[in-house]
Amino acid sequence: MKPMLKIFISYSHDSDEHKRTVRELADRLRSNGIDCNLDQYEESPEEGWPAWMERELRTSSYVVVICSPGYFEKFNRDAMGSGKGVKWEGAIINQELYEAEGRNRKFIPVVVGEENKTFIPTVLRRYTLYNVSTEQGYERLYRRLTMQPHVEKPPVGEVIKFPSSKSPNNSLRPLQKDRDIQVSQSIKGSRNVQVGVVSGNLKISTPRKPVVTLLPSPGSIGTNVLLKKAIVDRFNKLGEEREKRVGKSAYGVMYKNFKREFGINENEKWYKIWDWPEAAADQIISYLEIKYKDTISGRIKGAIKRGSLIPAKGFLFQREKELLEQLDLQISSPQVKDWLWKYFGVDSHTKLDRLKHWQWVVHLEKLVREAVEE
């Protein structure tokens, strides 16, 4: 008897609605003959939650990773306090992919809705994504899990044998060594422009230093003016936000990180992407959008879009720590305690509600700006 397929769902408790959606997916997979498990089916595992999660990740044939805003934030360990389960599972997933040198058939990124495509963890972006918000998407995932490809590869047939003919002996000639083909062209006057397609080695001899412009290959990102502008605009928007925090070095660090993420050698220019096929542009734009959302302005815009101008407590604690470090202060410093008591009547930031904590962070940002301007 063929053993039952075992699957584990790794996800984040973003909301009650999100939890219900994930459980409905698990219920459906189980009703369709797959042994699918997730934490909602367990009340309190006897070995404890960390050991239970690790066992499920290790022993499952596949791990379905539900990518959402909360999962992305916790997987990258940006959120403080909550989401320890995702952080623990994320650490195990990262370690397994590292030990497998990036080869992966086990961890499957899944989204519920196109809008969540930007929240796929970096280590999983190179693999096939499944959107289970549609019937077609669910079928694709189910076929993957049960190894039922939509298109079945036909068997390899016999090699066709063609009749051969012999050439007469006098037609055989010794092969000549490859020779450089030299093309000589003379042009009189100034500001002459020559356009052509060149392959192989190119050598130009002129009395003055020539200006050679190599155009991008047809079908590449560089040939699409609007697409190229969209990427440059996002680089500039991200660089401007980073510059507000770390100064002019922000651009160099930004391009360096980009090259590392996309496998570009350190001695190469980042704009070699203009020669990449247009199909790669979506991944580049998605990367830059995710990085921008991680900036202060990006997080504020995200909060506005979600209907709340005030960031989450985890972000406020992290931002507060960064600002105090720039002021050469710590949360336990007497001066900080004096400020908290003076403005809010408390002796600890843990006693601030979300609104007052946000006001406290805004006050620290003002102090940092004033210190920089001095």
Protein backbone atom coordinates (compact mmCIF):
# COMPACT_ATOMS: atom_id res chain seq x y z
CA MET A 1 0.00 0.00 0.00
CA LYS A 2 1.39 3.39 -1.00
CA PRO A 3 2.15 5.54 2.09
CA MET A 4 -0.05 8.64 2.55
CA LEU A 5 1.51 11.95 1.51
CA LYS A 6 2.38 14.10 4.56
CA ILE A 7 2.32 17.90 4.33
CA PHE A 8 2.83 20.72 6.84
CA ILE A 9 1.55 24.30 6.44
CA SER A 10 3.80 27.10 7.74
CA TYR A 11 1.97 30.42 8.09
CA SER A 12 1.51 33.52 10.25
CA HIS A 13 -1.48 34.42 12.42
CA ASP A 14 -2.06 37.73 10.62
CA SER A 15 -5.77 37.84 11.51
CA ASP A 16 -8.68 35.56 12.42
CA GLU A 17 -9.84 35.69 8.79
CA HIS A 18 -6.38 34.69 7.55
CA LYS A 19 -6.23 31.80 10.03
CA ARG A 20 -9.65 30.60 8.85
CA THR A 21 -8.55 30.77 5.19
CA VAL A 22 -5.43 28.69 5.91
CA ARG A 23 -7.42 26.12 7.88
CA GLU A 24 -9.94 25.80 5.01
CA LEU A 25 -7.02 25.05 2.66
CA ALA A 26 -5.73 22.38 5.05
CA ASP A 27 -9.23 20.88 5.42
CA ARG A 28 -9.62 20.71 1.65
CA LEU A 29 -6.25 19.02 1.16
CA ARG A 30 -7.13 16.44 3.81
CA SER A 31 -10.51 15.78 2.17
CA ASN A 32 -8.62 15.25 -1.11
CA GLY A 33 -6.47 12.45 0.32
CA ILE A 34 -3.44 14.38 1.65
CA ASP A 35 -2.33 14.13 5.31
CA CYS A 36 -2.02 17.89 5.88
CA ASN A 37 -1.18 19.29 9.32
CA LEU A 38 -1.00 22.76 10.92
CA ASP A 39 -0.94 24.18 14.42
CA GLN A 40 -4.70 24.79 14.56
CA TYR A 41 -5.23 21.03 14.74
CA GLU A 42 -3.14 20.86 17.95
CA GLU A 43 -4.12 22.21 21.36
CA SER A 44 -0.85 21.58 23.21
CA PRO A 45 1.70 19.07 21.84
CA GLU A 46 3.32 17.06 24.63
CA GLU A 47 6.86 17.74 23.38
CA GLY A 48 6.27 21.52 23.33
CA TRP A 49 5.70 23.82 20.36
CA PRO A 50 9.34 24.28 19.21
CA ALA A 51 10.01 20.52 19.09
CA TRP A 52 6.61 19.89 17.47
CA MET A 53 7.25 22.46 14.73
CA GLU A 54 10.73 21.10 14.04
CA ARG A 55 9.42 17.53 13.82
CA GLU A 56 6.67 18.55 11.38
CA LEU A 57 9.16 20.42 9.19
CA ARG A 58 11.65 17.55 9.19
CA THR A 59 9.24 14.66 8.62
CA SER A 60 6.87 16.21 6.05
CA SER A 61 7.25 15.43 2.36
CA TYR A 62 6.39 19.05 1.54
CA VAL A 63 6.07 22.28 3.51
CA VAL A 64 3.50 24.73 2.10
CA VAL A 65 4.61 28.27 3.05
CA ILE A 66 1.68 30.73 3.07
CA CYS A 67 3.29 34.09 2.20
CA SER A 68 1.56 37.12 3.74
CA PRO A 69 2.62 40.52 5.17
CA GLY A 70 2.91 39.10 8.68
CA TYR A 71 4.81 36.01 7.57
CA PHE A 72 7.28 38.08 5.52
CA GLU A 73 7.96 40.45 8.42
CA LYS A 74 8.44 37.69 10.99
CA PHE A 75 10.38 35.38 8.66
CA ASN A 76 12.93 38.19 8.20
CA ARG A 77 12.93 38.70 11.98
CA ASP A 78 11.92 42.35 11.67
CA ALA A 79 8.97 42.06 14.03
CA MET A 80 9.66 42.10 17.76
CA GLY A 81 7.89 39.97 20.36
CA SER A 82 5.14 38.19 18.44
CA GLY A 83 5.44 35.56 15.73
CA LYS A 84 8.06 33.38 17.41
CA GLY A 85 6.68 30.31 15.64
CA VAL A 86 7.30 31.79 12.18
CA LYS A 87 10.79 32.91 13.23
CA TRP A 88 11.58 29.39 14.45
CA GLU A 89 10.24 27.75 11.30
CA GLY A 90 12.00 30.36 9.15
CA ALA A 91 15.33 29.57 10.79
CA ILE A 92 14.88 25.85 10.03
CA ILE A 93 13.84 26.53 6.42
CA ASN A 94 16.86 28.79 5.88
CA GLN A 95 19.20 26.18 7.37
CA GLU A 96 17.83 23.33 5.24
CA LEU A 97 18.12 25.38 2.03
CA TYR A 98 21.65 26.41 3.02
CA GLU A 99 22.71 22.80 3.62
CA ALA A 100 21.12 21.76 0.29
CA GLU A 101 23.04 24.56 -1.50
CA GLY A 102 19.79 26.13 -2.72
CA ARG A 103 18.35 22.92 -4.22
CA ASN A 104 14.73 22.72 -3.16
CA ARG A 105 11.74 20.50 -3.84
CA LYS A 106 10.28 20.53 -0.33
CA PHE A 107 9.38 24.15 0.51
CA ILE A 108 6.59 25.53 -1.70
CA PRO A 109 5.69 29.27 -1.64
CA VAL A 110 1.92 29.82 -1.76
CA VAL A 111 -0.14 33.04 -1.73
CA VAL A 112 -3.83 33.75 -1.26
CA GLY A 113 -4.36 36.53 -3.80
CA GLU A 114 -2.05 38.29 -6.28
CA GLU A 115 -1.47 41.18 -3.85
CA ASN A 116 0.62 38.92 -1.59
CA LYS A 117 3.25 38.10 -4.25
CA THR A 118 5.51 40.83 -2.85
CA PHE A 119 5.66 39.09 0.55
CA ILE A 120 7.55 35.97 -0.54
CA PRO A 121 10.73 35.50 1.57
CA THR A 122 13.89 36.11 -0.46
CA VAL A 123 15.11 32.51 -0.15
CA LEU A 124 11.90 31.21 -1.77
CA ARG A 125 11.46 33.71 -4.62
CA ARG A 126 13.38 31.62 -7.15
CA TYR A 127 10.94 28.72 -6.88
CA THR A 128 7.52 28.17 -8.49
CA LEU A 129 4.72 30.12 -6.79
CA TYR A 130 1.10 28.95 -6.40
CA ASN A 131 -1.93 31.24 -5.91
CA VAL A 132 -4.65 29.15 -4.26
CA SER A 133 -7.29 31.90 -4.35
CA THR A 134 -8.49 30.42 -7.65
CA GLU A 135 -9.56 26.90 -8.60
CA GLN A 136 -6.84 26.78 -11.27
CA GLY A 137 -4.22 27.73 -8.68
CA TYR A 138 -5.43 25.09 -6.23
CA GLU A 139 -5.32 22.45 -8.97
CA ARG A 140 -1.73 23.43 -9.88
CA LEU A 141 -0.68 23.06 -6.23
CA TYR A 142 -2.51 19.74 -5.86
CA ARG A 143 -0.87 18.39 -9.02
CA ARG A 144 2.53 19.43 -7.65
CA LEU A 145 1.94 17.76 -4.28
CA THR A 146 0.62 14.53 -5.81
CA MET A 147 3.16 14.51 -8.67
CA GLN A 148 0.55 14.70 -11.42
CA PRO A 149 2.05 17.03 -14.07
CA HIS A 150 -0.42 18.87 -16.28
CA VAL A 151 1.61 17.83 -19.33
CA GLU A 152 3.06 14.32 -19.23
CA LYS A 153 6.46 13.85 -20.86
CA PRO A 154 6.27 11.26 -23.65
CA PRO A 155 8.80 8.37 -23.71
CA VAL A 156 11.96 8.73 -25.82
CA GLY A 157 11.61 6.93 -29.15
CA GLU A 158 14.09 5.35 -31.53
CA VAL A 159 16.79 7.47 -33.21
CA ILE A 160 16.03 8.00 -36.90
CA LYS A 161 18.75 6.59 -39.18
CA PHE A 162 19.28 8.38 -42.49
CA PRO A 163 21.17 6.91 -45.49
CA SER A 164 24.74 8.20 -45.88
CA SER A 165 26.83 8.93 -48.99
CA LYS A 166 30.61 8.92 -49.34
CA SER A 167 32.47 11.94 -50.72
CA PRO A 168 35.15 11.42 -53.40
CA ASN A 169 38.76 11.47 -52.12
CA ASN A 170 39.77 14.48 -54.23
CA SER A 171 37.18 16.61 -52.44
CA LEU A 172 38.99 16.32 -49.10
CA ARG A 173 40.95 19.40 -48.20
CA PRO A 174 43.03 20.16 -45.12
CA LEU A 175 41.25 22.39 -42.62
CA GLN A 176 42.60 25.92 -42.36
CA LYS A 177 43.24 27.53 -39.04
CA ASP A 178 40.85 30.26 -37.99
CA ARG A 179 42.00 33.62 -39.31
CA ASP A 180 41.01 37.11 -38.23
CA ILE A 181 38.96 38.76 -40.91
CA GLN A 182 39.98 42.39 -41.30
CA VAL A 183 37.57 44.95 -42.68
CA SER A 184 39.03 48.31 -43.69
CA GLN A 185 36.84 51.37 -44.03
CA SER A 186 37.80 55.00 -44.56
CA ILE A 187 35.55 57.91 -43.59
CA LYS A 188 36.24 61.61 -44.06
CA GLY A 189 34.78 64.44 -42.02
CA SER A 190 33.73 64.79 -38.39
CA ARG A 191 30.82 63.56 -36.31
CA ASN A 192 30.41 60.44 -38.42
CA VAL A 193 28.11 57.76 -37.09
CA GLN A 194 28.39 54.08 -38.03
CA VAL A 195 25.67 51.61 -37.06
CA GLY A 196 26.00 47.84 -37.33
CA VAL A 197 25.72 44.46 -35.69
CA VAL A 198 29.07 43.05 -34.56
CA SER A 199 30.00 39.60 -33.26
CA GLY A 200 33.43 38.41 -32.21
CA ASN A 201 36.40 40.72 -31.62
CA LEU A 202 36.20 44.37 -32.63
CA LYS A 203 39.23 46.59 -33.17
CA ILE A 204 38.96 50.26 -34.17
CA SER A 205 41.94 52.36 -35.29
CA THR A 206 41.35 56.11 -35.56
CA PRO A 207 43.52 59.24 -35.15
CA ARG A 208 41.31 60.26 -32.22
CA LYS A 209 39.69 58.25 -29.47
CA PRO A 210 36.43 56.83 -30.84
CA VAL A 211 33.15 56.85 -28.94
CA VAL A 212 31.60 53.38 -29.09
CA THR A 213 28.06 52.90 -27.79
CA LEU A 214 26.82 49.33 -27.38
CA LEU A 215 23.03 49.15 -27.56
CA PRO A 216 21.08 46.57 -25.51
CA SER A 217 20.10 43.34 -27.19
CA PRO A 218 16.63 43.12 -28.74
CA GLY A 219 14.01 42.00 -26.20
CA SER A 220 16.11 43.15 -23.23
CA ILE A 221 15.06 45.53 -20.44
CA GLY A 222 17.21 48.33 -21.86
CA THR A 223 15.26 48.44 -25.13
CA ASN A 224 12.00 49.17 -23.28
CA VAL A 225 12.21 52.86 -22.33
CA LEU A 226 9.21 52.79 -19.97
CA LEU A 227 10.37 49.64 -18.20
CA LYS A 228 13.87 51.03 -17.78
CA LYS A 229 12.48 54.28 -16.35
CA ALA A 230 10.26 52.36 -13.92
CA ILE A 231 13.29 50.56 -12.48
CA VAL A 232 15.45 53.72 -12.30
CA ASP A 233 12.63 55.63 -10.56
CA ARG A 234 12.33 52.91 -7.92
CA PHE A 235 16.09 52.89 -7.34
CA ASN A 236 16.02 56.67 -6.85
CA LYS A 237 12.99 56.54 -4.54
CA LEU A 238 14.64 53.86 -2.39
CA GLY A 239 18.00 55.67 -2.40
CA GLU A 240 16.46 58.97 -1.31
CA GLU A 241 14.74 57.36 1.65
CA ARG A 242 17.89 55.49 2.72
CA GLU A 243 19.96 58.67 2.35
CA LYS A 244 17.78 60.42 4.94
CA ARG A 245 18.97 57.91 7.51
CA VAL A 246 22.56 57.02 6.63
CA GLY A 247 23.75 59.79 4.29
CA LYS A 248 25.36 59.63 0.84
CA SER A 249 26.73 56.13 1.42
CA ALA A 250 23.16 54.83 1.14
CA TYR A 251 23.32 54.62 -2.65
CA GLY A 252 26.55 52.59 -2.68
CA VAL A 253 25.21 50.16 -0.10
CA MET A 254 21.91 49.91 -1.97
CA TYR A 255 23.58 48.97 -5.26
CA LYS A 256 25.99 46.59 -3.51
CA ASN A 257 23.11 44.72 -1.83
CA PHE A 258 21.22 44.61 -5.12
CA LYS A 259 24.18 43.05 -6.94
CA ARG A 260 24.61 40.46 -4.21
CA GLU A 261 20.92 39.52 -4.27
CA PHE A 262 20.89 39.13 -8.07
CA GLY A 263 24.26 37.40 -8.46
CA ILE A 264 26.11 40.29 -10.14
CA ASN A 265 29.89 40.28 -9.55
CA GLU A 266 31.29 43.04 -7.36
CA ASN A 267 33.48 44.41 -10.18
CA GLU A 268 30.50 44.68 -12.54
CA LYS A 269 28.07 47.60 -12.78
CA TRP A 270 24.54 47.16 -11.50
CA TYR A 271 23.11 48.47 -14.77
CA LYS A 272 24.22 45.36 -16.64
CA ILE A 273 20.58 44.41 -16.01
CA TRP A 274 19.70 46.48 -19.09
CA ASP A 275 20.97 43.50 -21.12
CA TRP A 276 18.76 41.06 -19.19
CA PRO A 277 15.51 39.82 -20.83
CA GLU A 278 12.34 41.83 -20.16
CA ALA A 279 10.90 38.88 -18.24
CA ALA A 280 13.42 39.57 -15.43
CA ALA A 281 12.03 43.08 -14.86
CA ASP A 282 9.10 41.89 -12.74
CA GLN A 283 11.45 40.28 -10.22
CA ILE A 284 13.65 43.41 -10.07
CA ILE A 285 10.67 45.73 -9.56
CA SER A 286 9.21 43.42 -6.91
CA TYR A 287 12.55 43.41 -5.04
CA LEU A 288 12.78 47.23 -5.09
CA GLU A 289 9.15 47.60 -3.95
CA ILE A 290 9.77 45.28 -1.00
CA LYS A 291 12.91 47.21 -0.02
CA TYR A 292 11.03 50.52 -0.22
CA LYS A 293 8.22 49.19 1.96
CA ASP A 294 10.87 48.53 4.61
CA THR A 295 11.84 52.24 4.76
CA ILE A 296 10.18 54.70 7.13
CA SER A 297 8.12 56.32 4.36
CA GLY A 298 7.22 52.94 2.95
CA ARG A 299 5.96 51.68 6.30
CA ILE A 300 3.94 54.84 6.89
CA LYS A 301 2.34 54.53 3.44
CA GLY A 302 1.61 50.88 4.16
CA ALA A 303 -0.03 51.82 7.44
CA ILE A 304 -2.15 54.46 5.67
CA LYS A 305 -3.20 51.88 3.07
CA ARG A 306 -4.22 49.48 5.83
CA GLY A 307 -6.34 52.23 7.41
CA SER A 308 -4.02 53.12 10.29
CA LEU A 309 -1.46 55.93 10.39
CA ILE A 310 0.16 54.62 13.56
CA PRO A 311 2.75 51.81 13.03
CA ALA A 312 2.65 48.57 15.01
CA LYS A 313 4.22 48.38 18.47
CA GLY A 314 7.03 46.13 17.26
CA PHE A 315 8.10 48.71 14.70
CA LEU A 316 7.86 51.53 17.30
CA PHE A 317 10.16 49.69 19.72
CA GLN A 318 12.71 49.04 16.95
CA ARG A 319 12.57 52.62 15.66
CA GLU A 320 12.90 53.99 19.21
CA LYS A 321 16.06 51.91 19.75
CA GLU A 322 17.62 53.17 16.48
CA LEU A 323 16.90 56.82 17.29
CA LEU A 324 18.28 56.58 20.83
CA GLU A 325 21.48 55.02 19.47
CA GLN A 326 21.88 57.99 17.10
CA LEU A 327 21.53 60.27 20.14
CA ASP A 328 24.10 58.20 22.09
CA LEU A 329 21.42 57.28 24.63
CA GLN A 330 19.84 54.11 25.98
CA ILE A 331 16.30 53.49 27.14
CA SER A 332 17.65 53.19 30.69
CA SER A 333 19.45 56.57 30.55
CA PRO A 334 18.32 59.06 33.27
CA GLN A 335 17.70 61.72 30.61
CA VAL A 336 15.34 59.40 28.74
CA LYS A 337 13.43 58.59 31.94
CA ASP A 338 13.13 62.34 32.66
CA TRP A 339 11.68 62.96 29.19
CA LEU A 340 9.16 60.10 29.56
CA TRP A 341 8.01 61.45 32.93
CA LYS A 342 7.90 65.06 31.72
CA TYR A 343 5.88 64.43 28.55
CA PHE A 344 3.83 61.34 29.40
CA GLY A 345 3.92 60.90 33.18
CA VAL A 346 5.47 57.41 33.04
CA ASP A 347 8.90 56.06 34.00
CA SER A 348 9.13 53.36 31.30
CA HIS A 349 8.32 53.14 27.58
CA THR A 350 6.51 49.84 28.22
CA LYS A 351 3.76 51.84 29.97
CA LEU A 352 3.01 53.90 26.85
CA ASP A 353 -0.02 52.97 24.79
CA ARG A 354 0.37 52.74 21.01
CA LEU A 355 -0.60 56.37 20.33
CA LYS A 356 1.70 57.84 22.98
CA HIS A 357 4.54 55.50 21.94
CA TRP A 358 4.21 56.81 18.38
CA GLN A 359 4.26 60.43 19.68
CA TRP A 360 7.40 59.57 21.67
CA VAL A 361 9.12 58.19 18.55
CA VAL A 362 8.13 61.30 16.54
CA HIS A 363 9.71 63.43 19.30
CA LEU A 364 12.96 61.40 19.09
CA GLU A 365 13.03 61.80 15.29
CA LYS A 366 12.78 65.58 15.77
CA LEU A 367 15.74 65.51 18.21
CA VAL A 368 17.82 63.49 15.71
CA ARG A 369 17.08 65.94 12.89
CA GLU A 370 18.07 68.88 15.09
CA ALA A 371 21.30 67.13 16.07
CA VAL A 372 22.20 66.48 12.42
CA GLU A 373 21.51 70.09 11.42
CA GLU A 374 23.81 71.52 14.13
